Amino acid sequence: MFVFDTTGDPFLWMRLTGAVTQQDEEYYLQALALLGERSAPFGLISVIDINSGEVSPETRRAQALWFKRNRDHLARLCFGLVRVRPKIDPNQNDDNFVRAMPFPTQRIPQEDQAIPILVNCLEAHEQSSKQAEIS
């Protein structure tokens, strides 16, 4: 099941759990489109609690294309990404993913630290924005 929750704006949640359906994948791509239309800063908490390989190759390609088209937009507006991955070994290396992101990103095994991490990211983003205005 896929859920995109914006009720805690600027802290947004994308949650993919259980068996993945074609409809879930469509909703996910629609949520990405909504992120691409945002004009206000946001932090994203991505909770993925599925087995590896459950998302179709077509959706993975569409996601990659969306990211390439929206990279600059994300760099301006996304102040952080927290990836909650309960099924992934926390010691598994994700350095390539982190380096590819134009904003701070962190992977954690449980949700409880997601908001505090994003609060820190938001504070750093706001401080950086103030510094840029002064310069």
N, C-alpha and C. Protein backbone atom coordinates (compact mmCIF):
# COMPACT_ATOMS: atom_id res chain seq x y z
N MET A 1 0.84 -1.17 0.00
CA MET A 1 0.00 0.00 0.00
C MET A 1 0.89 1.24 0.00
N PHE A 2 0.54 2.21 -0.83
CA PHE A 2 1.28 3.47 -0.89
C PHE A 2 0.42 4.60 -0.34
N VAL A 3 1.03 5.41 0.53
CA VAL A 3 0.35 6.57 1.08
C VAL A 3 1.31 7.76 1.00
N PHE A 4 0.80 8.89 0.51
CA PHE A 4 1.53 10.15 0.50
C PHE A 4 0.81 11.08 1.46
N ASP A 5 1.47 11.44 2.55
CA ASP A 5 0.84 12.21 3.62
C ASP A 5 1.51 13.57 3.72
N THR A 6 0.73 14.63 3.48
CA THR A 6 1.25 15.99 3.55
C THR A 6 0.69 16.76 4.75
N THR A 7 0.00 16.07 5.65
CA THR A 7 -0.66 16.76 6.76
C THR A 7 0.34 17.38 7.74
N GLY A 8 1.57 16.90 7.76
CA GLY A 8 2.59 17.46 8.66
C GLY A 8 3.51 18.44 7.96
N ASP A 9 3.07 19.02 6.85
CA ASP A 9 3.86 19.95 6.04
C ASP A 9 4.60 20.92 6.95
N PRO A 10 5.90 21.10 6.81
CA PRO A 10 6.76 20.76 5.68
C PRO A 10 7.38 19.37 5.75
N PHE A 11 6.96 18.57 6.72
CA PHE A 11 7.47 17.20 6.82
C PHE A 11 6.49 16.27 6.11
N LEU A 12 6.89 15.76 4.97
CA LEU A 12 6.02 14.94 4.14
C LEU A 12 6.41 13.47 4.28
N TRP A 13 5.43 12.61 4.18
CA TRP A 13 5.66 11.17 4.32
C TRP A 13 5.26 10.45 3.05
N MET A 14 6.12 9.58 2.57
CA MET A 14 5.78 8.61 1.53
C MET A 14 5.97 7.25 2.18
N ARG A 15 4.92 6.45 2.16
CA ARG A 15 4.95 5.17 2.86
C ARG A 15 4.54 4.07 1.88
N LEU A 16 5.43 3.09 1.67
CA LEU A 16 5.14 1.94 0.82
C LEU A 16 5.34 0.69 1.66
N THR A 17 4.22 0.01 1.94
CA THR A 17 4.28 -1.16 2.81
C THR A 17 3.45 -2.29 2.22
N GLY A 18 3.74 -3.49 2.66
CA GLY A 18 2.96 -4.65 2.20
C GLY A 18 3.25 -5.00 0.76
N ALA A 19 2.32 -5.71 0.15
CA ALA A 19 2.46 -6.10 -1.26
C ALA A 19 2.25 -4.86 -2.14
N VAL A 20 3.09 -4.70 -3.13
CA VAL A 20 3.02 -3.55 -4.02
C VAL A 20 2.12 -3.88 -5.21
N THR A 21 1.14 -3.01 -5.46
CA THR A 21 0.24 -3.18 -6.60
C THR A 21 0.58 -2.16 -7.69
N GLN A 22 0.03 -2.37 -8.86
CA GLN A 22 0.21 -1.41 -9.95
C GLN A 22 -0.35 -0.05 -9.53
N GLN A 23 -1.47 -0.06 -8.81
CA GLN A 23 -2.06 1.19 -8.34
C GLN A 23 -1.13 1.92 -7.37
N ASP A 24 -0.46 1.17 -6.50
CA ASP A 24 0.52 1.78 -5.59
C ASP A 24 1.62 2.48 -6.38
N GLU A 25 2.09 1.83 -7.42
CA GLU A 25 3.15 2.41 -8.24
C GLU A 25 2.66 3.68 -8.94
N GLU A 26 1.43 3.66 -9.42
CA GLU A 26 0.86 4.85 -10.06
C GLU A 26 0.73 5.99 -9.06
N TYR A 27 0.25 5.68 -7.85
CA TYR A 27 0.13 6.71 -6.81
C TYR A 27 1.50 7.27 -6.44
N TYR A 28 2.49 6.42 -6.40
CA TYR A 28 3.85 6.86 -6.09
C TYR A 28 4.34 7.87 -7.14
N LEU A 29 4.15 7.54 -8.41
CA LEU A 29 4.59 8.45 -9.47
C LEU A 29 3.79 9.75 -9.45
N GLN A 30 2.52 9.69 -9.08
CA GLN A 30 1.71 10.90 -8.93
C GLN A 30 2.24 11.76 -7.78
N ALA A 31 2.65 11.11 -6.69
CA ALA A 31 3.21 11.84 -5.56
C ALA A 31 4.51 12.53 -5.96
N LEU A 32 5.34 11.85 -6.74
CA LEU A 32 6.56 12.49 -7.23
C LEU A 32 6.22 13.73 -8.06
N ALA A 33 5.20 13.62 -8.90
CA ALA A 33 4.79 14.78 -9.71
C ALA A 33 4.37 15.94 -8.81
N LEU A 34 3.66 15.64 -7.72
CA LEU A 34 3.27 16.70 -6.79
C LEU A 34 4.49 17.34 -6.13
N LEU A 35 5.49 16.55 -5.80
CA LEU A 35 6.72 17.12 -5.24
C LEU A 35 7.38 18.06 -6.24
N GLY A 36 7.33 17.69 -7.51
CA GLY A 36 7.92 18.52 -8.55
C GLY A 36 7.20 19.84 -8.75
N GLU A 37 5.95 19.92 -8.30
CA GLU A 37 5.15 21.14 -8.43
C GLU A 37 5.22 22.03 -7.19
N ARG A 38 5.81 21.54 -6.13
CA ARG A 38 5.85 22.32 -4.88
C ARG A 38 6.67 23.59 -5.06
N SER A 39 6.26 24.61 -4.30
CA SER A 39 7.03 25.86 -4.31
C SER A 39 7.57 26.18 -2.91
N ALA A 40 7.17 25.41 -1.92
CA ALA A 40 7.62 25.63 -0.54
C ALA A 40 8.62 24.54 -0.15
N PRO A 41 9.58 24.90 0.70
CA PRO A 41 10.55 23.90 1.17
C PRO A 41 9.86 22.74 1.89
N PHE A 42 10.50 21.58 1.82
CA PHE A 42 9.95 20.38 2.47
C PHE A 42 11.07 19.42 2.82
N GLY A 43 10.76 18.58 3.80
CA GLY A 43 11.58 17.44 4.14
C GLY A 43 10.75 16.20 3.87
N LEU A 44 11.39 15.15 3.43
CA LEU A 44 10.67 13.95 3.05
C LEU A 44 11.11 12.76 3.90
N ILE A 45 10.11 12.06 4.42
CA ILE A 45 10.35 10.81 5.12
C ILE A 45 9.81 9.70 4.22
N SER A 46 10.68 8.85 3.77
CA SER A 46 10.31 7.76 2.87
C SER A 46 10.41 6.45 3.63
N VAL A 47 9.26 5.85 3.89
CA VAL A 47 9.21 4.58 4.60
C VAL A 47 8.95 3.48 3.57
N ILE A 48 9.91 2.61 3.40
CA ILE A 48 9.72 1.49 2.48
C ILE A 48 9.93 0.21 3.26
N ASP A 49 8.84 -0.51 3.44
CA ASP A 49 8.87 -1.76 4.19
C ASP A 49 8.28 -2.86 3.30
N ILE A 50 9.02 -3.13 2.23
CA ILE A 50 8.64 -4.17 1.27
C ILE A 50 9.87 -5.02 1.01
N ASN A 51 9.68 -6.11 0.31
CA ASN A 51 10.82 -6.93 -0.08
C ASN A 51 11.47 -6.33 -1.31
N SER A 52 12.77 -6.47 -1.42
CA SER A 52 13.52 -5.95 -2.57
C SER A 52 12.96 -6.53 -3.87
N GLY A 53 12.90 -5.70 -4.89
CA GLY A 53 12.47 -6.16 -6.20
C GLY A 53 10.97 -6.14 -6.42
N GLU A 54 10.20 -5.60 -5.46
CA GLU A 54 8.76 -5.59 -5.62
C GLU A 54 8.24 -4.47 -6.51
N VAL A 55 9.05 -3.47 -6.77
CA VAL A 55 8.63 -2.36 -7.64
C VAL A 55 9.07 -2.69 -9.06
N SER A 56 8.20 -2.43 -10.02
CA SER A 56 8.47 -2.81 -11.40
C SER A 56 9.63 -2.02 -11.99
N PRO A 57 10.32 -2.61 -12.96
CA PRO A 57 11.40 -1.89 -13.64
C PRO A 57 10.90 -0.61 -14.32
N GLU A 58 9.66 -0.62 -14.82
CA GLU A 58 9.10 0.57 -15.47
C GLU A 58 8.97 1.73 -14.46
N THR A 59 8.53 1.40 -13.26
CA THR A 59 8.39 2.45 -12.24
C THR A 59 9.77 2.94 -11.82
N ARG A 60 10.73 2.04 -11.70
CA ARG A 60 12.10 2.46 -11.36
C ARG A 60 12.67 3.40 -12.43
N ARG A 61 12.42 3.09 -13.70
CA ARG A 61 12.88 3.96 -14.79
C ARG A 61 12.18 5.32 -14.73
N ALA A 62 10.87 5.30 -14.52
CA ALA A 62 10.12 6.56 -14.43
C ALA A 62 10.61 7.40 -13.26
N GLN A 63 10.92 6.75 -12.15
CA GLN A 63 11.46 7.46 -10.99
C GLN A 63 12.80 8.10 -11.32
N ALA A 64 13.67 7.36 -11.98
CA ALA A 64 14.99 7.89 -12.34
C ALA A 64 14.87 9.08 -13.28
N LEU A 65 13.98 8.98 -14.26
CA LEU A 65 13.76 10.10 -15.19
C LEU A 65 13.19 11.31 -14.47
N TRP A 66 12.25 11.06 -13.57
CA TRP A 66 11.66 12.16 -12.81
C TRP A 66 12.75 12.86 -12.00
N PHE A 67 13.62 12.08 -11.37
CA PHE A 67 14.66 12.68 -10.55
C PHE A 67 15.60 13.53 -11.41
N LYS A 68 15.98 13.03 -12.57
CA LYS A 68 16.87 13.81 -13.45
C LYS A 68 16.22 15.13 -13.84
N ARG A 69 14.92 15.10 -14.16
CA ARG A 69 14.20 16.33 -14.56
C ARG A 69 14.02 17.30 -13.39
N ASN A 70 13.95 16.78 -12.18
CA ASN A 70 13.62 17.61 -11.02
C ASN A 70 14.78 17.83 -10.05
N ARG A 71 15.94 17.40 -10.42
CA ARG A 71 17.10 17.50 -9.51
C ARG A 71 17.35 18.92 -9.02
N ASP A 72 17.36 19.89 -9.91
CA ASP A 72 17.62 21.27 -9.50
C ASP A 72 16.51 21.80 -8.60
N HIS A 73 15.27 21.46 -8.94
CA HIS A 73 14.12 21.86 -8.12
C HIS A 73 14.25 21.28 -6.71
N LEU A 74 14.61 20.02 -6.62
CA LEU A 74 14.79 19.37 -5.32
C LEU A 74 15.94 20.00 -4.54
N ALA A 75 17.01 20.33 -5.23
CA ALA A 75 18.16 20.95 -4.56
C ALA A 75 17.76 22.27 -3.90
N ARG A 76 16.84 23.01 -4.51
CA ARG A 76 16.39 24.28 -3.95
C ARG A 76 15.40 24.10 -2.80
N LEU A 77 14.51 23.12 -2.91
CA LEU A 77 13.39 23.05 -1.97
C LEU A 77 13.46 21.93 -0.92
N CYS A 78 14.10 20.84 -1.23
CA CYS A 78 14.12 19.72 -0.28
C CYS A 78 15.26 19.94 0.71
N PHE A 79 14.91 20.12 1.97
CA PHE A 79 15.95 20.36 2.98
C PHE A 79 16.46 19.07 3.59
N GLY A 80 15.85 17.93 3.26
CA GLY A 80 16.37 16.67 3.76
C GLY A 80 15.48 15.50 3.42
N LEU A 81 16.10 14.33 3.36
CA LEU A 81 15.40 13.07 3.10
C LEU A 81 15.83 12.07 4.17
N VAL A 82 14.85 11.50 4.84
CA VAL A 82 15.11 10.41 5.77
C VAL A 82 14.47 9.16 5.19
N ARG A 83 15.29 8.15 4.97
CA ARG A 83 14.82 6.89 4.39
C ARG A 83 14.71 5.85 5.49
N VAL A 84 13.49 5.46 5.82
CA VAL A 84 13.26 4.44 6.84
C VAL A 84 13.17 3.10 6.12
N ARG A 85 14.13 2.21 6.44
CA ARG A 85 14.22 0.93 5.77
C ARG A 85 14.38 -0.19 6.79
N PRO A 86 13.28 -0.66 7.37
CA PRO A 86 13.39 -1.69 8.42
C PRO A 86 13.94 -3.02 7.93
N LYS A 87 13.85 -3.30 6.63
CA LYS A 87 14.29 -4.61 6.13
C LYS A 87 15.71 -4.61 5.57
N ILE A 88 16.39 -3.48 5.64
CA ILE A 88 17.75 -3.40 5.11
C ILE A 88 18.73 -3.35 6.27
N ASP A 89 19.80 -4.10 6.15
CA ASP A 89 20.87 -4.10 7.14
C ASP A 89 21.39 -2.66 7.29
N PRO A 90 21.34 -2.10 8.50
CA PRO A 90 21.79 -0.71 8.68
C PRO A 90 23.26 -0.50 8.34
N ASN A 91 24.03 -1.57 8.30
CA ASN A 91 25.44 -1.45 7.94
C ASN A 91 25.68 -1.54 6.43
N GLN A 92 24.63 -1.82 5.67
CA GLN A 92 24.76 -1.89 4.21
C GLN A 92 25.14 -0.51 3.68
N ASN A 93 26.12 -0.48 2.84
CA ASN A 93 26.65 0.76 2.30
C ASN A 93 25.65 1.41 1.34
N ASP A 94 25.37 2.70 1.55
CA ASP A 94 24.54 3.45 0.61
C ASP A 94 25.20 4.77 0.23
N ASP A 95 26.53 4.79 0.28
CA ASP A 95 27.28 6.02 -0.01
C ASP A 95 27.00 6.57 -1.40
N ASN A 96 26.85 5.71 -2.40
CA ASN A 96 26.57 6.21 -3.75
C ASN A 96 25.24 6.95 -3.81
N PHE A 97 24.23 6.41 -3.15
CA PHE A 97 22.92 7.07 -3.11
C PHE A 97 23.05 8.43 -2.42
N VAL A 98 23.72 8.46 -1.28
CA VAL A 98 23.87 9.70 -0.52
C VAL A 98 24.59 10.75 -1.35
N ARG A 99 25.65 10.36 -2.03
CA ARG A 99 26.41 11.31 -2.85
C ARG A 99 25.59 11.83 -4.03
N ALA A 100 24.65 11.05 -4.53
CA ALA A 100 23.85 11.45 -5.68
C ALA A 100 22.77 12.47 -5.31
N MET A 101 22.46 12.59 -4.04
CA MET A 101 21.37 13.48 -3.62
C MET A 101 21.87 14.91 -3.47
N PRO A 102 21.10 15.89 -3.95
CA PRO A 102 21.50 17.29 -3.82
C PRO A 102 21.05 17.92 -2.50
N PHE A 103 20.74 17.08 -1.51
CA PHE A 103 20.27 17.53 -0.21
C PHE A 103 20.71 16.48 0.81
N PRO A 104 20.69 16.82 2.10
CA PRO A 104 21.09 15.83 3.12
C PRO A 104 20.15 14.62 3.10
N THR A 105 20.72 13.45 3.26
CA THR A 105 19.92 12.24 3.32
C THR A 105 20.51 11.28 4.34
N GLN A 106 19.62 10.57 4.99
CA GLN A 106 20.07 9.59 5.98
C GLN A 106 19.11 8.41 5.95
N ARG A 107 19.68 7.21 6.11
CA ARG A 107 18.86 5.99 6.20
C ARG A 107 18.86 5.51 7.64
N ILE A 108 17.65 5.19 8.12
CA ILE A 108 17.49 4.68 9.48
C ILE A 108 16.59 3.45 9.45
N PRO A 109 16.68 2.58 10.48
CA PRO A 109 15.87 1.36 10.47
C PRO A 109 14.45 1.54 11.01
N GLN A 110 14.22 2.60 11.81
CA GLN A 110 12.91 2.80 12.41
C GLN A 110 12.49 4.26 12.32
N GLU A 111 11.20 4.49 12.36
CA GLU A 111 10.64 5.83 12.14
C GLU A 111 10.88 6.82 13.27
N ASP A 112 11.13 6.37 14.47
CA ASP A 112 11.10 7.26 15.63
C ASP A 112 12.08 8.43 15.56
N GLN A 113 13.14 8.32 14.80
CA GLN A 113 14.11 9.41 14.71
C GLN A 113 13.94 10.28 13.46
N ALA A 114 12.96 9.97 12.63
CA ALA A 114 12.81 10.68 11.36
C ALA A 114 12.54 12.17 11.53
N ILE A 115 11.57 12.51 12.34
CA ILE A 115 11.22 13.93 12.51
C ILE A 115 12.37 14.70 13.16
N PRO A 116 12.99 14.21 14.25
CA PRO A 116 14.12 14.97 14.81
C PRO A 116 15.25 15.20 13.80
N ILE A 117 15.52 14.22 12.96
CA ILE A 117 16.56 14.40 11.94
C ILE A 117 16.16 15.51 10.98
N LEU A 118 14.89 15.48 10.52
CA LEU A 118 14.45 16.51 9.58
C LEU A 118 14.36 17.88 10.23
N VAL A 119 14.05 17.95 11.51
CA VAL A 119 14.05 19.25 12.20
C VAL A 119 15.46 19.84 12.14
N ASN A 120 16.47 19.03 12.38
CA ASN A 120 17.86 19.50 12.28
C ASN A 120 18.18 19.95 10.86
N CYS A 121 17.71 19.19 9.87
CA CYS A 121 17.94 19.56 8.47
C CYS A 121 17.25 20.89 8.14
N LEU A 122 16.03 21.07 8.63
CA LEU A 122 15.29 22.31 8.39
C LEU A 122 16.02 23.49 9.02
N GLU A 123 16.49 23.33 10.24
CA GLU A 123 17.22 24.41 10.91
C GLU A 123 18.47 24.79 10.13
N ALA A 124 19.19 23.79 9.65
CA ALA A 124 20.40 24.06 8.84
C ALA A 124 20.03 24.75 7.53
N HIS A 125 18.94 24.32 6.91
CA HIS A 125 18.46 24.93 5.66
C HIS A 125 18.09 26.40 5.88
N GLU A 126 17.37 26.65 6.96
CA GLU A 126 16.96 28.04 7.26
C GLU A 126 18.18 28.91 7.56
N GLN A 127 19.14 28.37 8.27
CA GLN A 127 20.36 29.12 8.57
C GLN A 127 21.12 29.42 7.28
N SER A 128 21.22 28.44 6.42
CA SER A 128 21.90 28.62 5.14
C SER A 128 21.18 29.66 4.28
N SER A 129 19.85 29.64 4.30
CA SER A 129 19.07 30.61 3.52
C SER A 129 19.30 32.02 4.06
N LYS A 130 19.36 32.17 5.37
CA LYS A 130 19.62 33.49 5.97
C LYS A 130 21.00 33.98 5.59
N GLN A 131 21.99 33.09 5.62
CA GLN A 131 23.35 33.45 5.23
C GLN A 131 23.39 33.92 3.78
N ALA A 132 22.65 33.22 2.91
CA ALA A 132 22.63 33.59 1.49
C ALA A 132 21.99 34.94 1.28
N GLU A 133 20.96 35.27 2.08
CA GLU A 133 20.31 36.58 1.96
C GLU A 133 21.24 37.70 2.39
N ILE A 134 22.07 37.44 3.40
CA ILE A 134 23.00 38.45 3.89
C ILE A 134 24.10 38.73 2.88
N SER A 135 24.53 37.70 2.18
CA SER A 135 25.65 37.83 1.24
C SER A 135 25.31 38.61 0.01
